Amino acid sequence: MTQKTDNLIENPLGLDGFEFLEFTAPEKGVLEKKFEAMGFSRVASHRNKDVQLWRQGGINLIANYEPKSPAAYFAAEHGASICAMAFRVDNAAHAYATVLERGAEPVDIPTGPMELKLPAIRGIGNSLIYLIDRHAGNGPDLYDIDFIFEEGVERNPPGAGFKTIDHLTHNVHEGRIAHWADFYARIFGFREFRQFDVTGEYSGLNTKVMAAPDGKIRIPINEEGKSDKKGQIAEFLREYNGEGIQHIAFDSDNLYASLDSLQQKGTAFASPPPDTYYDQLEERLPGHGEPVEELKKRGILVDGTTAGGKPKLLMQIFSQLTFGPVFFEFIQRKGDEGFGEGNITALFKSIEADYKLRDGDTTKQPA
């Protein structure tokens, strides 16, 4: 079963975006507060397991506290973290057989009575990748089968206005980008979408962005750009205790309103860029058309191009470190399909400032 996307790229697994992200933690209370602060609502609980379903728009987050489960063992090693992600596919049995033929490592997940058997393979840092064909628009979805919805709770709450998972980023050990890029290309048919290198004052990174044939699953892979044990990628690998998912980007149609909602809910954002960033914005992106004072008030970064007089923009902002070294990105795409390469230096400065504040050093923050 081979599908073709609009740009005629073969899609043999029938990939169709992210179905859910699964989080875990050694104890309850940490994940829930952060989910609520980002506009998510708890809408259901698993029939047999200590597992919760949280939603906002078209985004599904799973909080898994089931004892003696793969999630529990993952939490013991990594703390609060993302232990699995799920890809939508047309036919899970076909997709699973195909990825196994291509060399994926199967993972057997214990199931209880009246519970779907979800095919899974081993992913980044011993996390899991599920293949899900019971999703909206393809028969009864897995949530109606495996979960009990809360009474009086909206099943698809709008939350803060975030609609989809735009991308999620991996941090890997130096020299391992090629391995993981090959994994996604060989197993799932991803292709290299972008490649860029960035050097900051204290650290750097090399990035290769892999994109699925459907164009909806995009995974930037980062490794340290300098052989420096103090770089932010190296620090992530130490704190996380290995390779894994560094951040997740949620997409909104109105980032200004979404951020105002998050601020009211208590989301903490990374250090904003200096005022000179906004002073130079018109020179960098002439005729961008965004209200500079509103951008500056919220700390929103803008990237893209205005060549030809028609702006194609990406607006983005990052949370503070949320679970250990994991954080979130909030974006709005206005025609630009990049990842804020022009803003990554500002991100570096913000993250490095956060690290210094956590270390109690407030005298050496980057300008």
Protein backbone atom coordinates (compact mmCIF):
# COMPACT_ATOMS: atom_id res chain seq x y z
CA MET A 1 0.00 0.00 0.00
CA THR A 2 1.83 3.07 -1.26
CA GLN A 3 0.32 6.52 -1.15
CA LYS A 4 1.62 9.66 -2.79
CA THR A 5 1.49 13.07 -1.19
CA ASP A 6 0.59 16.27 -3.02
CA ASN A 7 4.22 16.71 -4.05
CA LEU A 8 4.31 13.13 -5.40
CA ILE A 9 6.68 11.82 -2.75
CA GLU A 10 5.96 8.15 -2.07
CA ASN A 11 4.39 7.45 1.32
CA PRO A 12 4.49 3.64 1.62
CA LEU A 13 3.46 3.63 5.29
CA GLY A 14 0.53 6.00 4.83
CA LEU A 15 1.95 8.43 7.40
CA ASP A 16 -0.40 11.27 8.34
CA GLY A 17 1.03 13.33 11.19
CA PHE A 18 1.48 12.88 14.92
CA GLU A 19 -1.29 11.07 16.78
CA PHE A 20 -0.02 11.65 20.32
CA LEU A 21 3.00 12.28 22.51
CA GLU A 22 3.39 10.18 25.66
CA PHE A 23 4.92 11.71 28.77
CA THR A 24 6.00 10.06 31.98
CA ALA A 25 7.36 11.09 35.37
CA PRO A 26 8.50 9.35 38.57
CA GLU A 27 5.53 10.80 40.45
CA LYS A 28 2.27 12.58 39.72
CA GLY A 29 1.81 16.34 39.85
CA VAL A 30 4.63 17.65 37.67
CA LEU A 31 3.19 16.92 34.23
CA GLU A 32 -0.35 18.00 35.08
CA LYS A 33 0.61 21.52 36.20
CA LYS A 34 2.65 22.12 33.07
CA PHE A 35 -0.03 20.76 30.75
CA GLU A 36 -2.64 23.04 32.34
CA ALA A 37 -0.32 26.05 32.05
CA MET A 38 -0.05 25.39 28.29
CA GLY A 39 -3.83 25.25 27.85
CA PHE A 40 -4.41 21.48 27.91
CA SER A 41 -7.33 19.84 29.70
CA ARG A 42 -7.60 16.34 31.10
CA VAL A 43 -10.45 14.75 29.14
CA ALA A 44 -10.20 11.00 29.81
CA SER A 45 -8.57 8.20 31.81
CA HIS A 46 -7.48 4.76 30.59
CA ARG A 47 -9.84 1.86 31.33
CA ASN A 48 -7.16 -0.41 32.79
CA LYS A 49 -4.03 1.63 33.45
CA ASP A 50 -2.88 4.70 35.35
CA VAL A 51 -2.84 6.77 32.17
CA GLN A 52 -4.47 10.12 31.38
CA LEU A 53 -5.46 11.79 28.10
CA TRP A 54 -4.94 15.55 27.82
CA ARG A 55 -6.12 17.57 24.83
CA GLN A 56 -6.04 20.94 23.12
CA GLY A 57 -7.23 21.47 19.56
CA GLY A 58 -5.93 18.52 17.55
CA ILE A 59 -3.11 17.73 19.99
CA ASN A 60 -3.22 14.63 22.20
CA LEU A 61 -0.85 14.28 25.16
CA ILE A 62 -0.68 11.09 27.22
CA ALA A 63 0.47 11.09 30.86
CA ASN A 64 1.55 7.54 31.75
CA TYR A 65 2.11 6.57 35.39
CA GLU A 66 1.48 2.84 35.02
CA PRO A 67 3.84 0.90 37.37
CA LYS A 68 6.26 -1.63 35.86
CA SER A 69 5.54 -0.37 32.36
CA PRO A 70 7.98 0.85 29.68
CA ALA A 71 6.98 4.38 30.70
CA ALA A 72 7.84 3.72 34.37
CA TYR A 73 11.27 2.33 33.49
CA PHE A 74 11.86 5.30 31.19
CA ALA A 75 10.96 7.74 34.00
CA ALA A 76 13.36 5.99 36.38
CA GLU A 77 16.19 6.66 33.93
CA HIS A 78 15.26 10.08 32.54
CA GLY A 79 12.88 11.70 35.04
CA ALA A 80 9.91 13.66 33.70
CA SER A 81 10.23 13.27 29.94
CA ILE A 82 8.68 12.21 26.62
CA CYS A 83 8.83 8.43 26.53
CA ALA A 84 6.97 7.80 23.27
CA MET A 85 5.40 9.35 20.20
CA ALA A 86 2.77 7.98 17.85
CA PHE A 87 2.50 8.36 14.08
CA ARG A 88 -0.85 8.11 12.31
CA VAL A 89 -0.92 5.55 9.51
CA ASP A 90 -3.59 4.19 7.18
CA ASN A 91 -3.11 0.53 8.13
CA ALA A 92 -1.14 -0.26 11.30
CA ALA A 93 -0.60 -3.94 10.47
CA HIS A 94 0.81 -3.11 7.04
CA ALA A 95 2.97 -0.26 8.40
CA TYR A 96 4.29 -2.43 11.24
CA ALA A 97 5.22 -5.29 8.91
CA THR A 98 6.96 -2.82 6.60
CA VAL A 99 9.08 -1.15 9.30
CA LEU A 100 10.13 -4.55 10.67
CA GLU A 101 11.22 -5.57 7.19
CA ARG A 102 13.30 -2.39 7.09
CA GLY A 103 15.11 -3.23 10.31
CA ALA A 104 13.08 -1.60 13.08
CA GLU A 105 13.27 -3.17 16.56
CA PRO A 106 9.84 -4.45 17.70
CA VAL A 107 8.65 -3.73 21.25
CA ASP A 108 5.93 -5.81 22.91
CA ILE A 109 3.60 -3.66 25.02
CA PRO A 110 1.49 -5.51 27.63
CA THR A 111 -2.25 -5.03 27.15
CA GLY A 112 -5.23 -5.50 29.41
CA PRO A 113 -8.80 -6.71 28.76
CA MET A 114 -10.81 -4.85 26.08
CA GLU A 115 -7.66 -2.88 25.17
CA LEU A 116 -6.18 -2.29 21.74
CA LYS A 117 -2.83 -3.86 20.92
CA LEU A 118 -0.74 -0.95 19.64
CA PRO A 119 2.25 -1.89 17.46
CA ALA A 120 5.43 -0.17 18.61
CA ILE A 121 9.13 -0.02 17.70
CA ARG A 122 12.20 1.29 19.49
CA GLY A 123 13.03 4.96 18.85
CA ILE A 124 15.39 7.68 20.03
CA GLY A 125 17.03 6.97 23.39
CA ASN A 126 15.00 3.76 23.95
CA SER A 127 11.74 5.65 23.62
CA LEU A 128 8.87 4.12 21.64
CA ILE A 129 7.24 4.95 18.32
CA TYR A 130 3.64 3.72 17.99
CA LEU A 131 1.83 3.19 14.69
CA ILE A 132 -1.84 4.16 15.01
CA ASP A 133 -4.62 3.58 12.50
CA ARG A 134 -7.50 4.01 14.96
CA HIS A 135 -7.71 7.76 14.65
CA ALA A 136 -10.31 10.40 13.79
CA GLY A 137 -11.65 9.84 10.29
CA ASN A 138 -10.53 6.20 10.19
CA GLY A 139 -13.17 4.33 12.21
CA PRO A 140 -13.58 4.30 16.02
CA ASP A 141 -10.45 5.92 17.44
CA LEU A 142 -8.24 4.36 20.09
CA TYR A 143 -9.42 6.81 22.76
CA ASP A 144 -13.06 5.71 22.49
CA ILE A 145 -11.89 2.12 22.88
CA ASP A 146 -9.17 2.42 25.55
CA PHE A 147 -10.30 5.46 27.57
CA ILE A 148 -13.27 6.63 29.63
CA PHE A 149 -14.06 10.30 29.02
CA GLU A 150 -14.75 12.63 31.92
CA GLU A 151 -18.39 13.64 32.34
CA GLY A 152 -19.16 17.24 31.48
CA VAL A 153 -15.74 17.85 29.91
CA GLU A 154 -15.43 19.00 26.32
CA ARG A 155 -13.74 16.27 24.28
CA ASN A 156 -11.78 18.67 22.08
CA PRO A 157 -11.20 21.83 24.13
CA PRO A 158 -9.72 24.81 22.25
CA GLY A 159 -7.38 25.59 25.14
CA ALA A 160 -4.98 28.41 24.30
CA GLY A 161 -5.56 28.02 20.58
CA PHE A 162 -2.82 25.57 19.62
CA LYS A 163 -3.95 23.25 16.85
CA THR A 164 -1.18 20.79 15.94
CA ILE A 165 2.27 19.47 16.79
CA ASP A 166 4.41 21.26 14.21
CA HIS A 167 7.66 19.45 14.97
CA LEU A 168 9.73 17.92 17.74
CA THR A 169 13.49 18.02 18.11
CA HIS A 170 16.05 15.35 19.04
CA ASN A 171 19.37 16.01 20.77
CA VAL A 172 22.00 13.36 20.04
CA HIS A 173 25.63 12.66 20.85
CA GLU A 174 28.33 14.19 18.67
CA GLY A 175 28.66 12.28 15.41
CA ARG A 176 25.22 10.63 15.70
CA ILE A 177 23.14 12.83 13.38
CA ALA A 178 23.90 10.55 10.44
CA HIS A 179 22.72 7.48 12.37
CA TRP A 180 19.34 8.96 13.31
CA ALA A 181 18.81 10.64 9.93
CA ASP A 182 19.38 7.23 8.33
CA PHE A 183 16.98 5.62 10.84
CA TYR A 184 14.09 7.88 9.82
CA ALA A 185 14.92 7.68 6.11
CA ARG A 186 15.34 3.90 6.05
CA ILE A 187 12.49 2.93 8.36
CA PHE A 188 9.85 5.56 7.52
CA GLY A 189 10.87 7.09 4.20
CA PHE A 190 11.74 10.51 5.63
CA ARG A 191 13.90 12.83 3.56
CA GLU A 192 16.37 15.55 4.54
CA PHE A 193 14.39 18.79 4.56
CA ARG A 194 16.97 21.31 5.79
CA GLN A 195 20.48 21.40 7.22
CA PHE A 196 22.13 24.25 9.11
CA ASP A 197 24.87 25.00 11.63
CA VAL A 198 24.81 27.71 14.29
CA THR A 199 27.58 28.96 16.54
CA GLY A 200 26.76 30.90 19.70
CA GLU A 201 29.04 32.65 22.16
CA TYR A 202 29.22 29.64 24.48
CA SER A 203 28.12 26.73 22.33
CA GLY A 204 26.95 25.70 18.88
CA LEU A 205 24.87 23.10 17.14
CA ASN A 206 24.63 21.23 13.91
CA THR A 207 21.09 20.46 12.78
CA LYS A 208 19.59 18.21 10.14
CA VAL A 209 15.81 18.38 9.70
CA MET A 210 14.11 15.16 8.60
CA ALA A 211 10.58 15.33 7.16
CA ALA A 212 8.09 12.53 6.58
CA PRO A 213 6.53 12.00 3.14
CA ASP A 214 3.25 13.49 4.39
CA GLY A 215 5.03 16.73 5.33
CA LYS A 216 3.30 16.77 8.73
CA ILE A 217 5.96 14.96 10.79
CA ARG A 218 9.15 16.98 11.00
CA ILE A 219 12.06 16.11 13.26
CA PRO A 220 15.12 18.37 13.55
CA ILE A 221 18.12 16.44 14.92
CA ASN A 222 20.76 18.42 16.86
CA GLU A 223 24.30 17.60 17.89
CA GLU A 224 26.88 19.79 19.60
CA GLY A 225 28.60 22.10 17.12
CA LYS A 226 31.64 22.55 19.31
CA SER A 227 33.56 19.88 21.18
CA ASP A 228 32.70 21.63 24.42
CA LYS A 229 31.38 19.78 27.48
CA LYS A 230 29.68 23.01 28.58
CA GLY A 231 27.54 23.39 25.43
CA GLN A 232 23.77 23.25 25.77
CA ILE A 233 23.42 20.03 23.76
CA ALA A 234 26.06 18.38 25.94
CA GLU A 235 24.27 19.63 29.04
CA PHE A 236 20.97 18.22 27.80
CA LEU A 237 22.59 14.82 27.25
CA ARG A 238 24.00 14.87 30.79
CA GLU A 239 20.81 16.02 32.51
CA TYR A 240 18.54 13.81 30.44
CA ASN A 241 20.90 10.87 30.82
CA GLY A 242 21.14 10.21 27.11
CA GLU A 243 19.72 11.09 23.71
CA GLY A 244 16.08 12.10 23.48
CA ILE A 245 13.40 14.64 22.62
CA GLN A 246 14.57 18.13 23.54
CA HIS A 247 11.53 20.23 22.68
CA ILE A 248 8.09 20.14 21.06
CA ALA A 249 6.59 22.92 18.92
CA PHE A 250 2.85 23.67 19.02
CA ASP A 251 1.26 25.69 16.20
CA SER A 252 -1.37 28.44 16.55
CA ASP A 253 -3.35 30.53 14.06
CA ASN A 254 -3.07 33.56 16.37
CA LEU A 255 0.13 33.49 18.37
CA TYR A 256 -0.49 36.84 20.06
CA ALA A 257 -3.76 35.64 21.62
CA SER A 258 -2.33 32.20 22.43
CA LEU A 259 0.61 33.69 24.31
CA ASP A 260 -1.62 36.05 26.26
CA SER A 261 -3.62 33.00 27.34
CA LEU A 262 -0.47 31.09 28.32
CA GLN A 263 0.80 34.02 30.35
CA GLN A 264 -2.48 34.14 32.28
CA LYS A 265 -2.24 30.40 32.91
CA GLY A 266 1.30 30.69 34.27
CA THR A 267 3.57 29.43 31.48
CA ALA A 268 7.11 30.74 32.01
CA PHE A 269 8.92 31.85 28.87
CA ALA A 270 12.62 31.91 28.08
CA SER A 271 14.56 35.15 28.43
CA PRO A 272 13.49 37.59 25.68
CA PRO A 273 15.94 38.91 23.09
CA PRO A 274 17.55 42.33 23.63
CA ASP A 275 15.70 45.45 22.48
CA THR A 276 18.15 45.79 19.59
CA TYR A 277 16.63 42.64 18.08
CA TYR A 278 13.39 44.54 17.49
CA ASP A 279 15.19 47.76 16.53
CA GLN A 280 16.85 45.85 13.68
CA LEU A 281 13.81 43.81 12.64
CA GLU A 282 12.65 46.16 9.87
CA GLU A 283 16.16 46.20 8.40
CA ARG A 284 16.35 42.40 8.47
CA LEU A 285 12.78 41.81 7.24
CA PRO A 286 11.66 45.03 5.48
CA GLY A 287 7.90 45.32 5.19
CA HIS A 288 7.23 42.34 7.48
CA GLY A 289 3.95 43.95 8.58
CA GLU A 290 3.90 42.74 12.20
CA PRO A 291 3.28 45.19 15.09
CA VAL A 292 6.75 45.52 16.58
CA GLU A 293 5.60 46.72 19.99
CA GLU A 294 3.26 43.73 20.31
CA LEU A 295 6.07 41.38 19.32
CA LYS A 296 8.43 43.03 21.79
CA LYS A 297 5.88 42.98 24.63
CA ARG A 298 5.58 39.21 24.30
CA GLY A 299 9.17 38.41 23.29
CA ILE A 300 8.12 36.90 19.95
CA LEU A 301 10.91 36.18 17.45
CA VAL A 302 10.31 36.60 13.71
CA ASP A 303 12.11 34.86 10.86
CA GLY A 304 11.50 34.28 7.17
CA THR A 305 11.72 36.45 4.09
CA THR A 306 10.03 39.48 2.57
CA ALA A 307 11.64 39.13 -0.85
CA GLY A 308 9.33 40.14 -3.67
CA GLY A 309 7.24 42.26 -1.33
CA LYS A 310 5.22 39.34 0.03
CA PRO A 311 6.23 38.39 3.58
CA LYS A 312 6.63 34.72 4.40
CA LEU A 313 7.12 34.61 8.14
CA LEU A 314 7.62 32.29 11.08
CA MET A 315 6.82 33.69 14.52
CA GLN A 316 8.14 31.75 17.49
CA ILE A 317 8.80 31.86 21.21
CA PHE A 318 10.19 29.30 23.65
CA SER A 319 9.25 28.29 27.17
CA GLN A 320 11.73 28.00 29.98
CA LEU A 321 13.06 24.53 30.70
CA THR A 322 9.90 22.68 31.72
CA PHE A 323 10.74 19.06 32.63
CA GLY A 324 14.44 18.78 33.42
CA PRO A 325 16.17 19.96 30.21
CA VAL A 326 12.99 19.62 28.07
CA PHE A 327 11.13 22.74 26.89
CA PHE A 328 8.38 23.81 24.46
CA GLU A 329 8.12 26.09 21.44
CA PHE A 330 5.03 28.04 20.40
CA ILE A 331 4.79 29.15 16.77
CA GLN A 332 2.67 30.61 14.03
CA ARG A 333 3.54 30.01 10.40
CA LYS A 334 2.64 32.74 7.92
CA GLY A 335 4.03 31.15 4.79
CA ASP A 336 7.53 30.25 6.03
CA GLU A 337 8.32 26.55 6.46
CA GLY A 338 11.70 27.01 8.15
CA PHE A 339 12.68 26.49 11.75
CA GLY A 340 13.86 29.96 12.69
CA GLU A 341 17.45 29.51 11.58
CA GLY A 342 17.82 33.29 11.71
CA ASN A 343 16.62 33.26 15.31
CA ILE A 344 18.57 30.33 16.67
CA THR A 345 21.36 32.56 17.98
CA ALA A 346 18.72 34.37 20.06
CA LEU A 347 17.47 30.99 21.31
CA PHE A 348 21.00 30.04 22.29
CA LYS A 349 21.36 33.21 24.32
CA SER A 350 18.02 32.61 26.04
CA ILE A 351 18.77 28.99 26.96
CA GLU A 352 22.28 29.82 28.14
CA ALA A 353 20.81 32.58 30.32
CA ASP A 354 18.41 30.02 31.82
CA TYR A 355 21.29 27.62 32.55
CA LYS A 356 23.25 30.37 34.30
CA LEU A 357 20.27 31.40 36.39
CA ARG A 358 19.76 27.79 37.47
CA ASP A 359 23.44 27.63 38.38
CA GLY A 360 23.07 30.77 40.46
CA ASP A 361 25.31 32.84 38.17
CA THR A 362 23.50 36.06 37.27
CA THR A 363 26.61 38.04 36.34
CA LYS A 364 27.55 36.31 33.07
CA GLN A 365 24.34 36.23 31.10
CA PRO A 366 24.83 36.73 27.35
CA ALA A 367 23.80 40.14 26.12
